[in-house]
């Protein structure tokens, strides 16, 4: 059975590699849910499970291994957590290529330190790297969170070249805002969601900070009344932040996401004021004000052909300030199509991203990056759809009309008056179709399909005229995923 000595097997598990939302960026990541109930029924502690040592175990289906160095490997798969294994742990895991009873392994290897052996087996099981033989795995799509994008204003003090909005001088009224929040909680209750996430966006949402305050106070009252957990985030360009704004957000328990696309000119080249002045200095000031007053903002980085080269310096600055961040690729729209230099040229994108990854490797953060390193991909947990559009997502415009996606605000399918607007959104077959990755040509046999899910449906349609096909960024994604996993493995070695 075990002819090789098991010398203190080491198994390091990414704590963020369970089913979690994929960050808080401008494109909603949605939520995923994996039905791993066969494991849950058996409990988490082998030593406490009657009959466990008589159960036959095998390697978790679709599990894959990638070498980190001569000593460690990273193990990832559809049905288990991301984990780093040393040689002994990998050897022990590989024994279960064929089914074995745990009792047989321990009995036939009495010469091995039994505490080390049983601990390693238990850790393999807890990470779901080994599972009971004939276990069934069903990747269900049952998110716990209903997300709502509240487009509270179309006004903005910036004129970013890739923006999809016309910037009309129109704001959401308090009445429409309250009705939108009521609609969200109504759908959440009718569809049995445990959580509601509200995204206050624009335009520049902080141009309407008093409205944000009134609406979130109302949302908090509904949350308490309905027994539904509330999460909230303000999406901002970062130029209007003051200590008073930060104090308001903290009192309301609101998170803050700030768009920052580069340092100095690499930011200014695509994010300017209406008069043409660059916005970097004001954004940097806003981030520092937030940090000085005890609020850590999330940084949303939109990568285009213009700023990819500047990513390494930006990431170094972000890591020095210990800021959470997410990479998001530029999405062409009707207002930005004339800017050809924004396009995602493959070699330039890959080169810029890999250079940024090298910086991350030198300054590995203490938080997992699996859900934020490669555009809309979430390598932390398997899922079938890229985002919650058409499934667990509502987008309210300033008039109270409801769209599926904020990039298609003009294509509304319901309104705040609907009894259950989410059901209307789910049933609608016009506009954007957020198909399962299993329905996309070119994705069905890809090893990354349940992490990538075929990319943004709207970007794919813009490039190909189809929703049922892989992303035009497919080659970029495939070049980056292994490196993103390697970074997580190195991070686990550093901090675990």
Protein backbone atom coordinates (compact mmCIF):
# COMPACT_ATOMS: atom_id res chain seq x y z
CA UNK A 1 0.00 0.00 0.00
CA UNK A 2 2.25 2.80 1.28
CA UNK A 3 5.81 1.86 0.48
CA UNK A 4 6.96 5.47 0.66
CA UNK A 5 7.50 7.05 4.06
CA UNK A 6 4.92 9.67 4.96
CA UNK A 7 7.04 12.43 6.51
CA UNK A 8 4.64 14.92 8.06
CA UNK A 9 2.27 15.54 5.14
CA UNK A 10 1.46 19.23 4.76
CA UNK A 11 -1.87 20.41 3.32
CA UNK A 12 -2.58 24.13 3.06
CA UNK A 13 -6.10 25.18 2.09
CA UNK A 14 -7.25 28.51 0.65
CA UNK A 15 -9.86 29.79 3.08
CA UNK A 16 -11.50 31.78 0.29
CA UNK A 17 -11.93 28.80 -2.00
CA UNK A 18 -15.47 28.08 -0.96
CA UNK A 19 -18.51 29.45 -2.80
CA UNK A 20 -18.32 33.21 -2.39
CA UNK A 21 -19.29 36.29 -4.39
CA UNK A 22 -16.64 37.32 -6.87
CA UNK A 23 -15.69 40.68 -5.55
CA UNK A 24 -17.52 43.99 -5.65
CA UNK A 25 -16.54 45.38 -9.02
CA UNK A 26 -18.78 47.34 -11.35
CA UNK A 27 -19.81 44.20 -13.20
CA UNK A 28 -21.76 42.18 -10.70
CA UNK A 29 -20.10 38.88 -9.90
CA UNK A 30 -23.26 37.27 -8.60
CA UNK A 31 -23.01 34.34 -6.27
CA UNK A 32 -22.55 30.67 -6.82
CA UNK A 33 -23.59 27.67 -4.82
CA UNK A 34 -22.14 24.20 -5.09
CA UNK A 35 -24.18 21.33 -3.75
CA UNK A 36 -21.58 19.27 -1.94
CA UNK A 37 -24.13 17.82 0.45
CA UNK A 38 -22.80 14.24 0.19
CA UNK A 39 -19.73 15.45 2.08
CA UNK A 40 -21.63 17.62 4.50
CA UNK A 41 -23.75 14.67 5.56
CA UNK A 42 -20.64 12.78 6.65
CA UNK A 43 -19.39 15.56 8.87
CA UNK A 44 -16.11 17.47 8.95
CA UNK A 45 -14.14 15.44 11.50
CA UNK A 46 -13.25 11.90 10.46
CA UNK A 47 -12.47 10.86 13.99
CA UNK A 48 -16.06 11.61 15.03
CA UNK A 49 -17.83 9.88 12.12
CA UNK A 50 -19.02 6.37 12.82
CA UNK A 51 -18.12 3.99 10.04
CA UNK A 52 -15.80 6.45 8.29
CA UNK A 53 -12.84 4.07 8.40
CA UNK A 54 -14.95 1.39 6.70
CA UNK A 55 -16.00 3.79 3.91
CA UNK A 56 -14.18 3.56 0.58
CA UNK A 57 -12.67 6.85 -0.57
CA UNK A 58 -11.38 8.11 -3.94
CA UNK A 59 -9.80 11.29 -5.29
CA UNK A 60 -12.41 13.99 -5.82
CA UNK A 61 -13.66 13.97 -9.45
CA UNK A 62 -12.04 16.43 -11.88
CA UNK A 63 -9.23 17.15 -9.45
CA UNK A 64 -6.06 18.50 -11.07
CA UNK A 65 -2.47 19.03 -9.97
CA UNK A 66 0.03 21.73 -10.93
CA UNK A 67 3.62 21.84 -9.63
CA UNK A 68 4.70 24.90 -7.67
CA UNK A 69 8.31 23.80 -7.13
CA UNK A 70 10.28 20.66 -6.34
CA UNK A 71 8.52 20.28 -3.00
CA UNK A 72 4.98 21.58 -3.33
CA UNK A 73 2.05 21.22 -5.74
CA UNK A 74 -1.26 23.06 -5.95
CA UNK A 75 -4.41 21.00 -6.28
CA UNK A 76 -7.59 22.49 -7.76
CA UNK A 77 -10.86 21.06 -8.99
CA UNK A 78 -14.57 21.50 -9.49
CA UNK A 79 -15.57 19.72 -6.31
CA UNK A 80 -12.97 20.70 -3.74
CA UNK A 81 -11.07 23.57 -2.23
CA UNK A 82 -7.84 24.94 -3.65
CA UNK A 83 -4.98 23.39 -1.66
CA UNK A 84 -1.20 23.18 -1.57
CA UNK A 85 0.33 19.76 -0.84
CA UNK A 86 3.90 18.76 -0.07
CA UNK A 87 5.36 15.59 -1.57
CA UNK A 88 4.14 13.32 1.21
CA UNK A 89 0.61 14.72 1.15
CA UNK A 90 0.49 14.43 -2.64
CA UNK A 91 1.68 10.84 -2.42
CA UNK A 92 -1.02 10.07 0.15
CA UNK A 93 -3.68 11.77 -2.00
CA UNK A 94 -2.61 9.80 -5.07
CA UNK A 95 -3.15 6.50 -3.26
CA UNK A 96 -6.87 7.22 -3.58
CA UNK A 97 -6.66 7.09 -7.37
CA UNK A 98 -8.12 3.66 -6.67
CA UNK A 99 -10.71 3.38 -3.92
CA UNK A 100 -9.42 2.51 -0.46
CA UNK A 101 -10.84 2.20 2.99
CA UNK A 102 -9.24 4.50 5.50
CA UNK A 103 -9.06 1.65 7.97
CA UNK A 104 -6.96 -0.43 5.53
CA UNK A 105 -4.48 2.40 5.02
CA UNK A 106 -3.96 2.95 8.73
CA UNK A 107 -3.71 -0.78 9.54
CA UNK A 108 -1.24 -1.58 6.76
CA UNK A 109 1.00 1.30 7.71
CA UNK A 110 1.30 0.93 11.45
CA UNK A 111 5.03 1.73 11.16
CA UNK A 112 4.15 5.30 10.18
CA UNK A 113 3.38 7.87 12.85
CA UNK A 114 -0.35 7.31 13.19
CA UNK A 115 -1.10 10.82 14.39
CA UNK A 116 0.55 12.33 11.30
CA UNK A 117 -1.16 9.82 9.01
CA UNK A 118 -4.66 10.24 10.42
CA UNK A 119 -4.30 14.03 10.57
CA UNK A 120 -3.28 14.11 6.90
CA UNK A 121 -6.18 11.88 5.86
CA UNK A 122 -8.58 14.05 7.83
CA UNK A 123 -7.22 17.20 6.17
CA UNK A 124 -7.56 15.62 2.71
CA UNK A 125 -11.16 14.85 3.52
CA UNK A 126 -11.97 18.25 5.02
CA UNK A 127 -10.57 19.95 1.91
CA UNK A 128 -12.71 17.51 -0.16
CA UNK A 129 -9.61 16.27 -1.97
CA UNK A 130 -10.83 12.75 -1.22
CA UNK A 131 -14.50 11.81 -1.14
CA UNK A 132 -16.61 8.71 -0.50
CA UNK A 133 -16.73 6.41 -3.51
CA UNK A 134 -19.79 7.00 -5.75
CA UNK A 135 -20.48 10.43 -4.21
CA UNK A 136 -22.68 12.53 -6.44
CA UNK A 137 -21.74 16.14 -7.16
CA UNK A 138 -24.21 18.63 -8.49
CA UNK A 139 -23.11 22.16 -9.28
CA UNK A 140 -26.35 23.90 -8.37
CA UNK A 141 -27.03 27.57 -9.02
CA UNK A 142 -28.71 28.62 -5.82
CA UNK A 143 -27.10 31.90 -4.72
CA UNK A 144 -27.91 33.24 -1.28
CA UNK A 145 -27.64 36.90 -2.31
CA UNK A 146 -29.93 38.99 -4.49
CA UNK A 147 -27.95 41.96 -5.84
CA UNK A 148 -29.48 45.25 -6.95
CA UNK A 149 -27.74 48.05 -8.85
CA UNK A 150 -29.29 51.42 -7.99
CA UNK A 151 -28.46 53.92 -10.73
CA UNK A 152 -29.09 56.92 -8.48
CA UNK A 153 -27.72 59.50 -10.90
CA UNK A 154 -26.64 59.84 -14.49
CA UNK A 155 -24.51 62.87 -13.61
CA UNK A 156 -20.74 62.57 -13.38
CA UNK A 157 -17.85 65.00 -13.02
CA UNK A 158 -15.62 62.73 -15.15
CA UNK A 159 -15.77 61.79 -18.83
CA UNK A 160 -14.03 58.42 -18.97
CA UNK A 161 -13.44 57.28 -22.53
CA UNK A 162 -14.81 53.77 -21.93
CA UNK A 163 -17.98 54.88 -20.11
CA UNK A 164 -21.29 53.66 -21.51
CA UNK A 165 -23.46 56.50 -20.10
CA UNK A 166 -24.60 59.75 -21.78
CA UNK A 167 -24.33 61.72 -18.48
CA UNK A 168 -27.68 63.46 -18.46
CA UNK A 169 -28.47 65.80 -15.56
CA UNK A 170 -30.94 63.41 -13.95
CA UNK A 171 -31.10 61.93 -10.45
CA UNK A 172 -33.21 59.25 -8.82
CA UNK A 173 -35.88 60.67 -6.49
CA UNK A 174 -36.19 59.47 -2.91
CA UNK A 175 -39.61 58.01 -3.77
CA UNK A 176 -38.25 55.97 -6.69
CA UNK A 177 -35.27 54.89 -4.60
CA UNK A 178 -37.45 53.64 -1.76
CA UNK A 179 -39.69 51.82 -4.25
CA UNK A 180 -36.63 50.17 -5.80
CA UNK A 181 -35.44 48.96 -2.42
CA UNK A 182 -38.93 47.71 -1.58
CA UNK A 183 -39.01 45.82 -4.90
CA UNK A 184 -35.65 44.24 -4.17
CA UNK A 185 -36.67 43.02 -0.71
CA UNK A 186 -40.03 41.86 -2.09
CA UNK A 187 -38.30 39.67 -4.68
CA UNK A 188 -35.78 38.51 -2.08
CA UNK A 189 -38.59 37.32 0.20
CA UNK A 190 -40.60 35.68 -2.58
CA UNK A 191 -37.53 33.86 -3.91
CA UNK A 192 -36.12 32.88 -0.51
CA UNK A 193 -32.88 34.86 -0.56
CA UNK A 194 -31.02 35.19 2.72
CA UNK A 195 -29.11 38.32 1.71
CA UNK A 196 -29.60 41.49 -0.29
CA UNK A 197 -26.67 43.47 -1.69
CA UNK A 198 -27.28 47.05 -2.81
CA UNK A 199 -24.87 48.85 -5.13
CA UNK A 200 -25.21 52.62 -5.15
CA UNK A 201 -23.88 53.70 -8.53
CA UNK A 202 -24.03 56.27 -11.30
CA UNK A 203 -22.66 58.39 -12.90
CA UNK A 204 -20.84 59.45 -9.77
CA UNK A 205 -22.90 58.21 -6.84
CA UNK A 206 -21.29 60.57 -4.31
CA UNK A 207 -22.84 63.53 -6.13
CA UNK A 208 -25.98 62.29 -4.35
CA UNK A 209 -24.57 61.35 -0.96
CA UNK A 210 -27.65 62.60 1.00
CA UNK A 211 -29.80 60.29 -1.15
CA UNK A 212 -27.50 57.36 -0.42
CA UNK A 213 -27.87 58.01 3.30
CA UNK A 214 -31.68 58.17 3.19
CA UNK A 215 -32.01 55.09 0.99
CA UNK A 216 -29.63 52.93 3.00
CA UNK A 217 -31.29 53.84 6.28
CA UNK A 218 -34.55 52.70 4.72
CA UNK A 219 -32.92 49.51 3.46
CA UNK A 220 -31.63 48.81 6.96
CA UNK A 221 -35.14 49.10 8.36
CA UNK A 222 -36.48 46.66 5.75
CA UNK A 223 -33.59 44.30 6.44
CA UNK A 224 -34.50 44.17 10.11
CA UNK A 225 -38.21 43.87 9.38
CA UNK A 226 -37.84 41.03 6.83
CA UNK A 227 -34.99 39.19 8.54
CA UNK A 228 -32.80 39.47 5.44
CA UNK A 229 -29.09 40.25 5.78
CA UNK A 230 -28.08 43.53 4.10
CA UNK A 231 -24.82 44.38 2.38
CA UNK A 232 -24.12 47.67 0.63
CA UNK A 233 -21.37 49.26 -1.44
CA UNK A 234 -20.91 52.67 -3.04
CA UNK A 235 -19.19 52.69 -6.44
CA UNK A 236 -17.22 55.90 -6.87
CA UNK A 237 -14.58 57.53 -9.04
CA UNK A 238 -12.92 58.68 -5.80
CA UNK A 239 -12.64 62.39 -6.60
CA UNK A 240 -15.28 63.68 -4.16
CA UNK A 241 -14.23 61.87 -1.00
CA UNK A 242 -14.01 63.88 2.20
CA UNK A 243 -13.66 62.89 5.87
CA UNK A 244 -17.38 63.63 6.24
CA UNK A 245 -18.25 61.22 3.41
CA UNK A 246 -16.12 58.49 5.00
CA UNK A 247 -17.81 59.04 8.36
CA UNK A 248 -21.23 58.69 6.71
CA UNK A 249 -20.25 55.43 5.00
CA UNK A 250 -18.87 54.01 8.23
CA UNK A 251 -22.01 54.87 10.19
CA UNK A 252 -24.14 53.20 7.53
CA UNK A 253 -21.81 50.17 7.36
CA UNK A 254 -21.35 50.79 3.63
CA UNK A 255 -18.28 49.63 1.77
CA UNK A 256 -16.54 51.78 -0.82
CA UNK A 257 -15.21 50.81 -4.23
CA UNK A 258 -12.99 53.29 -6.08
CA UNK A 259 -11.97 53.12 -9.73
CA UNK A 260 -8.23 53.51 -10.28
CA UNK A 261 -6.73 52.45 -13.61
CA UNK A 262 -3.07 53.33 -13.16
CA UNK A 263 -0.61 55.75 -11.64
CA UNK A 264 -0.50 59.28 -13.03
CA UNK A 265 -0.79 59.29 -16.84
CA UNK A 266 -1.85 55.63 -17.06
CA UNK A 267 -4.98 56.60 -15.14
CA UNK A 268 -5.46 59.99 -16.76
CA UNK A 269 -5.22 58.55 -20.27
CA UNK A 270 -8.75 57.16 -19.89
CA UNK A 271 -10.29 58.87 -16.82
CA UNK A 272 -10.47 62.67 -17.20
CA UNK A 273 -12.69 65.47 -15.98
CA UNK A 274 -15.24 66.96 -18.36
CA UNK A 275 -12.78 69.78 -19.11
CA UNK A 276 -9.99 67.38 -20.01
CA UNK A 277 -7.93 67.53 -16.79
CA UNK A 278 -6.65 64.22 -15.45
CA UNK A 279 -8.27 62.88 -12.26
CA UNK A 280 -5.43 60.79 -10.76
CA UNK A 281 -4.26 63.25 -8.12
CA UNK A 282 -7.80 63.69 -6.76
CA UNK A 283 -8.43 59.94 -6.74
CA UNK A 284 -5.16 59.33 -4.92
CA UNK A 285 -6.12 62.00 -2.39
CA UNK A 286 -9.54 60.37 -1.91
CA UNK A 287 -8.01 56.96 -1.25
CA UNK A 288 -5.63 58.44 1.31
CA UNK A 289 -8.49 60.24 3.06
CA UNK A 290 -10.39 56.97 3.30
CA UNK A 291 -7.37 55.16 4.75
CA UNK A 292 -6.56 57.95 7.20
CA UNK A 293 -10.12 57.77 8.51
CA UNK A 294 -10.20 54.01 8.95
CA UNK A 295 -12.03 52.85 5.81
CA UNK A 296 -10.21 50.53 3.41
CA UNK A 297 -11.65 50.92 -0.10
CA UNK A 298 -11.71 48.21 -2.75
CA UNK A 299 -9.89 49.25 -5.92
CA UNK A 300 -11.50 48.47 -9.28
CA UNK A 301 -9.00 48.45 -12.15
CA UNK A 302 -10.31 48.60 -15.70
CA UNK A 303 -7.63 47.31 -18.07
CA UNK A 304 -7.52 48.39 -21.70
CA UNK A 305 -4.95 48.53 -24.45
CA UNK A 306 -3.97 51.96 -23.17
CA UNK A 307 -3.02 51.20 -19.59
CA UNK A 308 -1.95 47.52 -19.58
CA UNK A 309 1.71 48.52 -19.63
CA UNK A 310 1.28 50.52 -16.41
CA UNK A 311 -0.20 47.67 -14.35
CA UNK A 312 3.03 46.63 -12.56
CA UNK A 313 3.59 50.08 -11.02
CA UNK A 314 -0.08 50.37 -10.06
CA UNK A 315 -0.10 46.95 -8.37
CA UNK A 316 3.09 47.78 -6.46
CA UNK A 317 1.42 50.95 -5.13
CA UNK A 318 -1.79 49.06 -4.24
CA UNK A 319 0.11 46.32 -2.39
CA UNK A 320 2.23 48.87 -0.51
CA UNK A 321 -1.02 50.37 0.76
CA UNK A 322 -2.49 46.91 1.49
CA UNK A 323 -5.60 47.57 -0.60
CA UNK A 324 -7.95 44.89 -1.95
CA UNK A 325 -8.35 45.12 -5.72
CA UNK A 326 -9.88 43.47 -8.77
CA UNK A 327 -8.89 43.40 -12.45
CA UNK A 328 -11.66 44.03 -14.98
CA UNK A 329 -11.22 44.11 -18.74
CA UNK A 330 -12.51 46.97 -20.89
CA UNK A 331 -15.92 46.29 -22.47
CA UNK A 332 -16.61 48.00 -25.77
CA UNK A 333 -19.90 49.91 -25.97
CA UNK A 334 -21.64 52.28 -28.36
CA UNK A 335 -20.03 55.37 -26.84
CA UNK A 336 -16.48 53.97 -26.70
CA UNK A 337 -16.28 52.06 -30.00
CA UNK A 338 -14.47 54.92 -31.76
CA UNK A 339 -11.46 54.61 -29.39
CA UNK A 340 -9.61 51.79 -31.12
CA UNK A 341 -6.61 51.94 -28.76
CA UNK A 342 -8.81 50.71 -25.91
CA UNK A 343 -9.15 47.30 -27.57
CA UNK A 344 -7.71 44.25 -25.78
CA UNK A 345 -4.80 43.23 -28.02
CA UNK A 346 -3.82 39.76 -26.82
CA UNK A 347 -0.03 39.97 -26.56
CA UNK A 348 -0.10 43.40 -24.91
CA UNK A 349 -2.73 42.30 -22.38
CA UNK A 350 -0.93 39.07 -21.49
CA UNK A 351 2.41 40.81 -21.19
CA UNK A 352 1.00 43.57 -18.95
CA UNK A 353 -0.92 41.15 -16.74
CA UNK A 354 2.00 38.74 -16.30
CA UNK A 355 4.26 41.66 -15.39
CA UNK A 356 1.72 42.67 -12.73
CA UNK A 357 1.63 39.07 -11.48
CA UNK A 358 5.42 39.20 -11.04
CA UNK A 359 5.01 42.21 -8.76
CA UNK A 360 2.35 40.37 -6.77
CA UNK A 361 4.69 37.38 -6.39
CA UNK A 362 7.29 39.63 -4.77
CA UNK A 363 4.73 41.22 -2.42
CA UNK A 364 2.14 38.52 -1.81
CA UNK A 365 -0.85 39.92 0.12
CA UNK A 366 -2.39 38.11 3.09
CA UNK A 367 -5.79 37.91 1.35
CA UNK A 368 -6.81 35.50 -1.38
CA UNK A 369 -6.83 36.89 -4.91
CA UNK A 370 -8.58 33.95 -6.57
CA UNK A 371 -11.73 35.94 -7.21
CA UNK A 372 -10.10 39.11 -8.50
CA UNK A 373 -7.01 38.41 -10.61
CA UNK A 374 -8.47 37.66 -14.06
CA UNK A 375 -11.37 39.78 -15.23
CA UNK A 376 -14.71 38.10 -14.42
CA UNK A 377 -13.22 34.70 -13.59
CA UNK A 378 -13.60 33.41 -10.05
CA UNK A 379 -10.99 30.72 -9.44
CA UNK A 380 -12.10 30.49 -5.80
CA UNK A 381 -15.21 28.47 -6.50
CA UNK A 382 -16.81 26.64 -9.43
CA UNK A 383 -19.90 28.12 -11.06
CA UNK A 384 -21.81 27.96 -14.35
CA UNK A 385 -22.51 31.63 -15.11
CA UNK A 386 -20.13 34.58 -15.20
CA UNK A 387 -22.38 36.92 -13.25
CA UNK A 388 -25.86 37.22 -11.79
CA UNK A 389 -27.40 38.96 -14.83
CA UNK A 390 -30.80 37.48 -15.62
CA UNK A 391 -30.64 35.25 -12.56
CA UNK A 392 -30.00 37.03 -9.26
CA UNK A 393 -29.53 40.63 -10.30
CA UNK A 394 -31.75 43.72 -10.68
CA UNK A 395 -30.70 47.03 -12.24
CA UNK A 396 -32.85 50.08 -11.42
CA UNK A 397 -32.53 53.26 -13.47
CA UNK A 398 -33.32 56.70 -12.03
CA UNK A 399 -36.96 56.39 -13.23
CA UNK A 400 -37.58 53.07 -11.49
CA UNK A 401 -37.40 50.96 -14.63
CA UNK A 402 -35.55 47.64 -14.35
CA UNK A 403 -32.91 46.29 -16.74
CA UNK A 404 -30.91 43.07 -16.64
CA UNK A 405 -27.47 44.68 -16.87
CA UNK A 406 -26.23 48.19 -16.06
CA UNK A 407 -24.54 48.33 -19.49
CA UNK A 408 -28.00 47.97 -21.03
CA UNK A 409 -29.89 50.46 -18.88
CA UNK A 410 -31.98 51.50 -21.88
CA UNK A 411 -33.31 47.96 -22.37
CA UNK A 412 -35.76 47.72 -19.49
CA UNK A 413 -37.96 44.68 -18.88
CA UNK A 414 -39.83 45.56 -15.68
CA UNK A 415 -40.35 48.29 -13.10
CA UNK A 416 -40.55 48.93 -9.36
CA UNK A 417 -44.31 48.35 -9.55
CA UNK A 418 -43.96 44.65 -10.37
CA UNK A 419 -44.89 42.29 -7.57
CA UNK A 420 -41.81 40.14 -8.24
CA UNK A 421 -39.47 41.93 -10.68
CA UNK A 422 -36.84 39.19 -10.41
CA UNK A 423 -39.25 36.64 -11.88
CA UNK A 424 -39.90 39.00 -14.81
CA UNK A 425 -36.15 39.39 -15.36
CA UNK A 426 -35.60 35.63 -15.27
CA UNK A 427 -38.37 34.98 -17.78
CA UNK A 428 -37.30 37.63 -20.26
CA UNK A 429 -35.75 36.25 -23.46
CA UNK A 430 -34.81 39.57 -25.08
CA UNK A 431 -31.51 41.41 -24.82
CA UNK A 432 -28.58 39.92 -22.97
CA UNK A 433 -28.72 36.16 -22.39
CA UNK A 434 -26.50 34.93 -19.56
CA UNK A 435 -26.19 31.30 -20.62
CA UNK A 436 -24.66 28.49 -18.63
CA UNK A 437 -21.08 27.68 -19.67
CA UNK A 438 -22.33 24.23 -20.63
CA UNK A 439 -24.34 25.87 -23.43
CA UNK A 440 -21.36 27.73 -24.93
CA UNK A 441 -19.53 26.45 -27.98
CA UNK A 442 -15.81 26.14 -27.32
CA UNK A 443 -16.29 25.95 -23.54
CA UNK A 444 -17.83 22.54 -22.92
CA UNK A 445 -14.54 20.61 -22.92
CA UNK A 446 -12.32 23.33 -21.46
CA UNK A 447 -10.63 22.52 -18.14
CA UNK A 448 -11.33 26.09 -16.92
CA UNK A 449 -15.02 26.20 -17.82
CA UNK A 450 -16.40 26.24 -14.27
CA UNK A 451 -14.10 29.10 -13.23
CA UNK A 452 -14.16 31.21 -16.40
CA UNK A 453 -17.72 30.33 -17.53
CA UNK A 454 -17.03 31.78 -20.96
CA UNK A 455 -16.52 35.41 -19.97
CA UNK A 456 -18.91 38.39 -20.10
CA UNK A 457 -21.93 37.54 -22.25
CA UNK A 458 -22.36 41.12 -23.43
CA UNK A 459 -18.73 41.46 -24.52
CA UNK A 460 -18.96 38.15 -26.36
CA UNK A 461 -22.12 39.22 -28.18
CA UNK A 462 -20.57 42.56 -29.11
CA UNK A 463 -17.62 40.77 -30.71
CA UNK A 464 -19.36 37.74 -32.26
CA UNK A 465 -23.10 38.42 -32.45
CA UNK A 466 -23.66 35.29 -30.33
CA UNK A 467 -24.19 34.47 -26.68
CA UNK A 468 -23.58 30.72 -27.02
CA UNK A 469 -19.85 30.85 -27.76
CA UNK A 470 -16.65 31.38 -25.79
CA UNK A 471 -15.25 34.81 -25.01
CA UNK A 472 -13.09 36.63 -27.57
CA UNK A 473 -10.63 36.96 -24.65
CA UNK A 474 -10.33 33.17 -24.31
CA UNK A 475 -6.61 33.03 -25.15
CA UNK A 476 -5.84 35.79 -22.66
CA UNK A 477 -7.72 33.96 -19.92
CA UNK A 478 -6.03 30.62 -20.59
CA UNK A 479 -2.60 32.25 -20.46
CA UNK A 480 -3.33 33.83 -17.08
CA UNK A 481 -5.27 31.20 -15.11
CA UNK A 482 -2.32 28.88 -14.34
CA UNK A 483 -0.26 31.85 -13.16
CA UNK A 484 -3.10 33.13 -10.97
CA UNK A 485 -3.36 29.72 -9.31
CA UNK A 486 0.40 29.59 -8.84
CA UNK A 487 0.26 32.94 -7.02
CA UNK A 488 -2.38 31.58 -4.67
CA UNK A 489 -0.21 28.55 -3.98
CA UNK A 490 2.79 30.73 -3.16
CA UNK A 491 0.61 32.94 -0.99
CA UNK A 492 -0.59 29.92 0.99
CA UNK A 493 3.00 28.83 1.55
CA UNK A 494 3.89 32.28 2.83
CA UNK A 495 1.01 32.85 5.25
CA UNK A 496 -0.26 29.42 6.35
